[in-house]
N, C-alpha and C. Protein backbone atom coordinates (compact mmCIF):
# COMPACT_ATOMS: atom_id res chain seq x y z
N MET A 1 104.83 102.43 111.25
CA MET A 1 106.19 103.12 111.28
C MET A 1 107.42 102.28 111.09
N GLN A 2 108.29 103.27 110.35
CA GLN A 2 109.36 102.48 109.79
C GLN A 2 110.27 101.71 110.70
N ALA A 3 110.40 102.30 111.95
CA ALA A 3 111.44 101.45 112.89
C ALA A 3 110.90 100.26 113.47
N GLU A 4 109.48 99.98 113.46
CA GLU A 4 108.96 98.74 113.74
C GLU A 4 109.01 97.96 112.63
N ARG A 5 108.83 98.30 111.36
CA ARG A 5 109.09 97.27 110.35
C ARG A 5 110.64 96.87 110.29
N GLN A 6 111.43 97.54 110.65
CA GLN A 6 112.81 97.14 110.65
C GLN A 6 113.16 96.18 111.81
N GLY A 7 112.05 96.15 112.82
CA GLY A 7 112.58 95.30 114.11
C GLY A 7 113.14 96.14 114.88
N ASP A 8 113.31 97.54 114.67
CA ASP A 8 114.10 98.32 115.76
C ASP A 8 113.25 98.83 116.82
N LEU A 9 113.80 99.10 117.88
CA LEU A 9 113.19 99.66 119.21
C LEU A 9 113.31 101.26 118.97
N PHE A 10 112.36 101.96 119.55
CA PHE A 10 112.43 103.40 119.50
C PHE A 10 112.03 103.84 120.78
N GLY A 11 112.57 105.10 121.22
CA GLY A 11 112.27 105.75 122.53
C GLY A 11 112.26 107.22 122.39
N LEU A 12 112.11 108.00 123.65
CA LEU A 12 111.82 109.34 123.43
C LEU A 12 112.38 109.96 124.61
N LEU A 13 113.17 111.02 124.69
CA LEU A 13 113.46 111.79 125.76
C LEU A 13 113.25 113.16 125.27
N THR A 14 112.52 114.08 126.30
CA THR A 14 112.47 115.46 125.95
C THR A 14 113.28 116.39 127.02
N PHE A 15 113.84 117.20 126.85
CA PHE A 15 114.46 118.22 127.93
C PHE A 15 114.11 119.55 127.33
N SER A 16 114.57 120.37 128.68
CA SER A 16 114.70 121.79 128.62
C SER A 16 115.85 122.11 129.38
N ASP A 17 115.46 122.79 130.67
CA ASP A 17 116.92 122.96 131.59
C ASP A 17 116.82 121.88 132.44
N ARG A 18 115.93 120.65 132.27
CA ARG A 18 115.92 119.52 132.95
C ARG A 18 115.41 118.52 132.01
N VAL A 19 115.50 117.14 132.25
CA VAL A 19 114.92 116.24 131.57
C VAL A 19 113.62 116.20 131.83
N LEU A 20 112.58 116.27 130.91
CA LEU A 20 111.03 116.26 130.90
C LEU A 20 110.32 114.97 131.16
N ASN A 21 110.86 114.18 130.17
CA ASN A 21 110.16 112.98 129.85
C ASN A 21 111.02 111.82 129.17
N PHE A 22 111.11 110.74 129.71
CA PHE A 22 111.93 109.69 129.23
C PHE A 22 110.78 108.34 129.07
N VAL A 23 111.03 108.01 127.81
CA VAL A 23 110.16 106.88 127.33
C VAL A 23 111.28 105.83 126.93
N ARG A 24 111.63 104.76 127.65
CA ARG A 24 112.72 103.81 127.22
C ARG A 24 112.11 103.07 126.03
N ALA A 25 113.09 102.72 125.23
CA ALA A 25 112.98 101.96 123.89
C ALA A 25 112.27 100.83 123.74
N ARG A 26 111.40 100.66 123.15
CA ARG A 26 110.43 99.40 122.78
C ARG A 26 109.88 99.52 121.73
N SER A 27 108.93 98.58 121.19
CA SER A 27 108.33 98.69 120.00
C SER A 27 106.85 98.30 120.20
N GLY A 28 105.99 98.45 119.33
CA GLY A 28 104.45 98.16 119.06
C GLY A 28 103.68 99.44 119.12
N GLN A 29 102.60 99.40 118.75
CA GLN A 29 101.57 100.31 118.68
C GLN A 29 101.36 101.11 119.71
N GLN A 30 101.18 100.45 121.01
CA GLN A 30 100.83 101.03 122.30
C GLN A 30 102.05 102.01 122.77
N HIS A 31 103.33 101.63 122.60
CA HIS A 31 104.53 102.38 122.75
C HIS A 31 104.56 103.50 121.64
N PHE A 32 104.25 103.51 120.45
CA PHE A 32 103.86 104.29 119.68
C PHE A 32 103.22 105.43 120.00
N SER A 33 102.12 105.32 120.36
CA SER A 33 100.96 105.88 121.05
C SER A 33 101.59 106.78 122.24
N LEU A 34 102.47 106.18 123.04
CA LEU A 34 102.97 106.59 124.40
C LEU A 34 103.95 107.93 123.96
N CYS A 35 104.69 107.52 122.91
CA CYS A 35 105.66 108.45 122.40
C CYS A 35 105.05 109.44 121.80
N ARG A 36 103.95 109.32 121.05
CA ARG A 36 103.21 110.48 120.44
C ARG A 36 102.77 111.30 121.28
N ASP A 37 101.90 110.96 122.61
CA ASP A 37 101.25 111.76 123.48
C ASP A 37 102.32 112.58 124.11
N ALA A 38 103.27 111.89 124.34
CA ALA A 38 104.58 112.64 125.03
C ALA A 38 104.81 113.90 124.17
N LEU A 39 105.06 113.71 122.93
CA LEU A 39 105.29 114.82 122.00
C LEU A 39 104.42 115.73 121.89
N HIS A 40 103.17 115.35 121.82
CA HIS A 40 102.05 116.24 121.94
C HIS A 40 101.82 117.09 123.16
N SER A 41 102.34 116.68 124.15
CA SER A 41 101.97 117.37 125.41
C SER A 41 103.42 118.50 125.56
N LEU A 42 104.19 118.41 124.59
CA LEU A 42 105.43 119.71 124.69
C LEU A 42 105.12 120.86 124.71
N HIS A 43 105.46 121.93 125.24
CA HIS A 43 105.29 123.54 125.19
C HIS A 43 106.52 124.08 124.92
N PRO A 44 106.78 125.11 124.34
CA PRO A 44 107.96 125.84 124.01
C PRO A 44 108.14 126.40 125.32
N GLN A 45 109.41 126.42 125.67
CA GLN A 45 109.99 127.16 126.88
C GLN A 45 111.17 127.97 126.72
N THR A 46 111.36 129.03 127.11
CA THR A 46 112.44 130.02 126.99
C THR A 46 113.52 129.66 128.15
N VAL A 47 114.29 128.70 128.07
CA VAL A 47 115.16 128.46 129.27
C VAL A 47 116.55 127.93 128.59
N THR A 48 117.35 128.04 129.50
CA THR A 48 118.89 127.54 129.03
C THR A 48 119.02 126.07 129.08
N PRO A 49 119.29 125.28 128.26
CA PRO A 49 119.17 123.73 128.39
C PRO A 49 120.49 123.41 129.36
N ASP A 50 120.37 122.52 130.25
CA ASP A 50 121.59 121.84 131.09
C ASP A 50 122.15 120.74 130.33
N TYR A 51 123.00 120.77 129.35
CA TYR A 51 123.43 119.47 128.75
C TYR A 51 124.55 119.03 129.56
N ASP A 52 124.87 119.22 130.68
CA ASP A 52 125.40 118.34 131.78
C ASP A 52 124.41 117.21 132.11
N GLU A 53 123.35 117.77 132.70
CA GLU A 53 122.41 116.89 133.22
C GLU A 53 121.95 115.93 132.16
N LEU A 54 121.59 116.49 131.01
CA LEU A 54 120.99 115.70 129.98
C LEU A 54 122.00 114.46 129.59
N PHE A 55 123.43 114.82 129.14
CA PHE A 55 124.34 113.76 129.04
C PHE A 55 124.55 112.90 130.14
N SER A 56 124.52 113.31 131.57
CA SER A 56 124.74 112.49 132.66
C SER A 56 123.45 111.30 132.46
N PHE A 57 122.37 111.97 132.52
CA PHE A 57 121.05 110.98 132.22
C PHE A 57 121.33 109.85 131.39
N LEU A 58 121.89 110.48 130.07
CA LEU A 58 121.79 109.42 128.98
C LEU A 58 122.89 108.40 129.24
N ARG A 59 123.97 108.93 129.76
CA ARG A 59 124.95 107.80 130.07
C ARG A 59 124.65 106.68 131.08
N LEU A 60 123.95 107.41 132.07
CA LEU A 60 123.34 106.41 133.14
C LEU A 60 122.28 105.35 132.65
N ARG A 61 121.45 105.84 131.77
CA ARG A 61 120.31 105.13 131.34
C ARG A 61 120.51 104.26 129.92
N LEU A 62 121.33 104.50 129.10
CA LEU A 62 121.50 104.05 127.71
C LEU A 62 122.52 103.02 127.88
N ARG A 63 122.36 101.66 127.85
CA ARG A 63 123.47 100.87 128.26
C ARG A 63 124.02 100.43 126.55
N ARG A 64 122.79 100.03 125.77
CA ARG A 64 122.95 99.69 124.25
C ARG A 64 123.24 100.77 123.59
N ARG A 65 123.85 100.51 122.22
CA ARG A 65 124.35 101.58 121.36
C ARG A 65 122.81 102.15 120.69
N ALA A 66 122.78 103.28 120.56
CA ALA A 66 121.56 103.78 120.20
C ALA A 66 121.80 105.04 119.15
N LEU A 67 120.82 105.23 118.45
CA LEU A 67 120.96 106.46 117.25
C LEU A 67 120.12 107.65 118.05
N LEU A 68 120.91 108.93 118.46
CA LEU A 68 120.26 109.85 119.33
C LEU A 68 119.99 110.82 118.27
N VAL A 69 118.88 111.49 118.15
CA VAL A 69 118.59 112.76 117.41
C VAL A 69 118.16 113.68 118.36
N PHE A 70 118.87 114.95 118.02
CA PHE A 70 118.87 116.17 119.11
C PHE A 70 118.34 117.35 118.01
N LEU A 71 117.36 117.88 118.46
CA LEU A 71 116.85 118.94 117.86
C LEU A 71 116.76 120.04 118.81
N THR A 72 117.74 121.01 118.71
CA THR A 72 118.30 121.86 119.84
C THR A 72 118.79 123.06 119.05
N ALA A 73 118.94 124.38 119.85
CA ALA A 73 119.71 125.42 119.33
C ALA A 73 120.93 125.47 119.92
N LEU A 74 122.05 125.65 119.11
CA LEU A 74 123.38 125.78 119.42
C LEU A 74 123.93 127.09 118.95
N ASP A 75 123.14 128.24 118.75
CA ASP A 75 123.49 129.27 118.18
C ASP A 75 124.40 130.40 119.37
N ASP A 76 124.22 129.88 120.43
CA ASP A 76 124.93 130.53 121.65
C ASP A 76 126.30 129.65 121.77
N PRO A 77 127.65 130.52 121.82
CA PRO A 77 128.76 129.80 121.94
C PRO A 77 129.06 129.08 123.16
N LEU A 78 128.57 129.52 124.04
CA LEU A 78 128.63 128.75 125.47
C LEU A 78 127.87 127.47 125.55
N LEU A 79 126.79 127.79 124.93
CA LEU A 79 126.02 126.32 124.91
C LEU A 79 126.28 125.30 124.01
N ALA A 80 126.90 125.68 122.93
CA ALA A 80 127.63 124.82 121.90
C ALA A 80 128.73 124.16 122.21
N GLU A 81 129.54 124.81 123.14
CA GLU A 81 130.76 124.21 123.70
C GLU A 81 130.54 123.46 124.68
N SER A 82 129.22 123.51 125.63
CA SER A 82 128.81 122.63 126.62
C SER A 82 128.31 121.47 125.76
N PHE A 83 127.65 121.59 124.82
CA PHE A 83 127.21 120.49 124.06
C PHE A 83 128.01 119.65 123.50
N THR A 84 128.96 120.27 122.83
CA THR A 84 130.20 119.51 122.26
C THR A 84 131.06 118.99 123.03
N HIS A 85 131.38 119.27 124.50
CA HIS A 85 132.03 118.80 125.44
C HIS A 85 131.51 117.52 125.89
N ASN A 86 130.24 117.61 126.21
CA ASN A 86 129.25 116.57 126.77
C ASN A 86 129.05 115.36 125.52
N ALA A 87 128.88 115.87 124.16
CA ALA A 87 128.51 114.74 123.22
C ALA A 87 130.03 114.14 123.11
N GLY A 88 131.07 114.55 123.10
CA GLY A 88 132.35 113.87 123.25
C GLY A 88 132.38 112.66 124.18
N LEU A 89 131.49 112.75 125.22
CA LEU A 89 131.66 111.93 126.29
C LEU A 89 130.79 110.50 125.99
N ILE A 90 129.85 110.78 124.99
CA ILE A 90 128.99 109.49 124.60
C ILE A 90 129.21 109.18 123.13
N CYS A 91 129.63 109.83 122.28
CA CYS A 91 129.62 109.69 120.82
C CYS A 91 130.49 108.38 120.46
N ARG A 92 131.28 107.83 121.30
CA ARG A 92 131.89 106.66 121.01
C ARG A 92 130.95 105.32 121.09
N GLN A 93 130.06 105.40 121.88
CA GLN A 93 128.95 104.49 122.09
C GLN A 93 127.85 104.83 121.40
N HIS A 94 127.54 105.87 121.13
CA HIS A 94 126.18 106.11 120.38
C HIS A 94 126.49 106.93 118.99
N LEU A 95 125.45 106.74 118.36
CA LEU A 95 125.43 107.54 116.98
C LEU A 95 124.68 108.85 117.16
N MET A 96 125.22 109.94 116.85
CA MET A 96 124.58 111.20 117.08
C MET A 96 124.21 111.79 115.89
N LEU A 97 122.77 112.50 115.86
CA LEU A 97 122.36 113.39 114.73
C LEU A 97 121.96 114.70 115.38
N VAL A 98 122.48 115.73 115.16
CA VAL A 98 122.34 116.80 115.71
C VAL A 98 121.80 118.00 114.74
N THR A 99 120.74 118.47 114.91
CA THR A 99 119.93 119.50 113.96
C THR A 99 119.41 120.53 114.78
N MET A 100 119.26 121.77 114.07
CA MET A 100 118.59 122.84 114.88
C MET A 100 117.86 123.58 113.75
N VAL A 101 116.87 124.37 114.21
CA VAL A 101 115.79 125.35 113.38
C VAL A 101 116.86 126.28 113.03
N GLN A 102 116.63 126.63 111.67
CA GLN A 102 117.66 128.05 111.30
C GLN A 102 117.02 129.13 111.92
N PRO A 103 117.99 129.81 112.82
CA PRO A 103 117.50 131.32 113.31
C PRO A 103 117.26 132.51 112.04
N PRO A 104 116.29 133.09 112.23
CA PRO A 104 115.77 134.09 111.46
C PRO A 104 116.96 134.83 111.01
N GLY A 105 116.92 135.29 109.86
CA GLY A 105 118.13 136.09 109.25
C GLY A 105 119.52 135.44 108.88
N VAL A 106 119.39 134.10 109.26
CA VAL A 106 120.96 133.76 109.08
C VAL A 106 120.86 132.89 107.92
N LYS A 107 122.05 133.26 107.03
CA LYS A 107 121.96 132.73 105.58
C LYS A 107 123.50 132.00 105.53
N PRO A 108 123.55 131.08 104.50
CA PRO A 108 124.91 130.65 104.09
C PRO A 108 126.02 131.92 103.90
N LEU A 109 127.28 131.85 104.27
CA LEU A 109 128.15 132.66 104.12
C LEU A 109 128.45 132.56 102.43
N PHE A 110 128.43 131.31 101.89
CA PHE A 110 129.00 131.25 100.49
C PHE A 110 127.83 130.46 100.06
N LEU A 111 127.34 130.60 98.66
CA LEU A 111 126.66 129.72 97.86
C LEU A 111 127.28 129.37 96.65
N ARG A 112 126.96 128.09 96.41
CA ARG A 112 127.47 127.51 95.20
C ARG A 112 126.69 127.74 93.95
N ARG A 113 127.37 128.46 93.09
CA ARG A 113 126.65 128.99 92.04
C ARG A 113 126.76 127.88 90.87
N GLU A 114 125.57 127.75 90.01
CA GLU A 114 125.51 126.66 88.97
C GLU A 114 126.19 127.15 87.81
N CYS A 115 127.23 126.21 87.37
CA CYS A 115 127.91 126.70 86.09
C CYS A 115 127.10 126.41 84.75
N ASN A 116 126.75 127.73 84.41
CA ASN A 116 125.93 127.59 82.75
C ASN A 116 126.81 126.92 81.82
N GLN A 117 127.96 126.87 81.77
CA GLN A 117 128.92 126.87 80.77
C GLN A 117 129.23 125.15 80.50
N CYS A 118 128.98 124.56 81.65
CA CYS A 118 129.27 123.12 81.80
C CYS A 118 128.30 122.35 80.91
């Protein structure tokens, strides 16, 4: 794994309407297997995420600077507002990457057309 080759630690946190699993950052093959098994045991749930609880959990348990990767849905304006507010509380200490699966039927409003004359 690339993180281990770089000498980085990696961990995992999964959440839904509550924190489901937290694996503190470490390194090594055994730790990688633990993270992989935690991901493998996930099942989809139709619940409203509790971002207040999630970010409180992160503020209490992550003392060192970390890269946090979020795979979540922010297509609901109220959830997006809650996420944005809470992210503002930790973004000065941590680097955040937020991504979501594109909802069906959503397309870019504007597309860049290639110029054939250039």
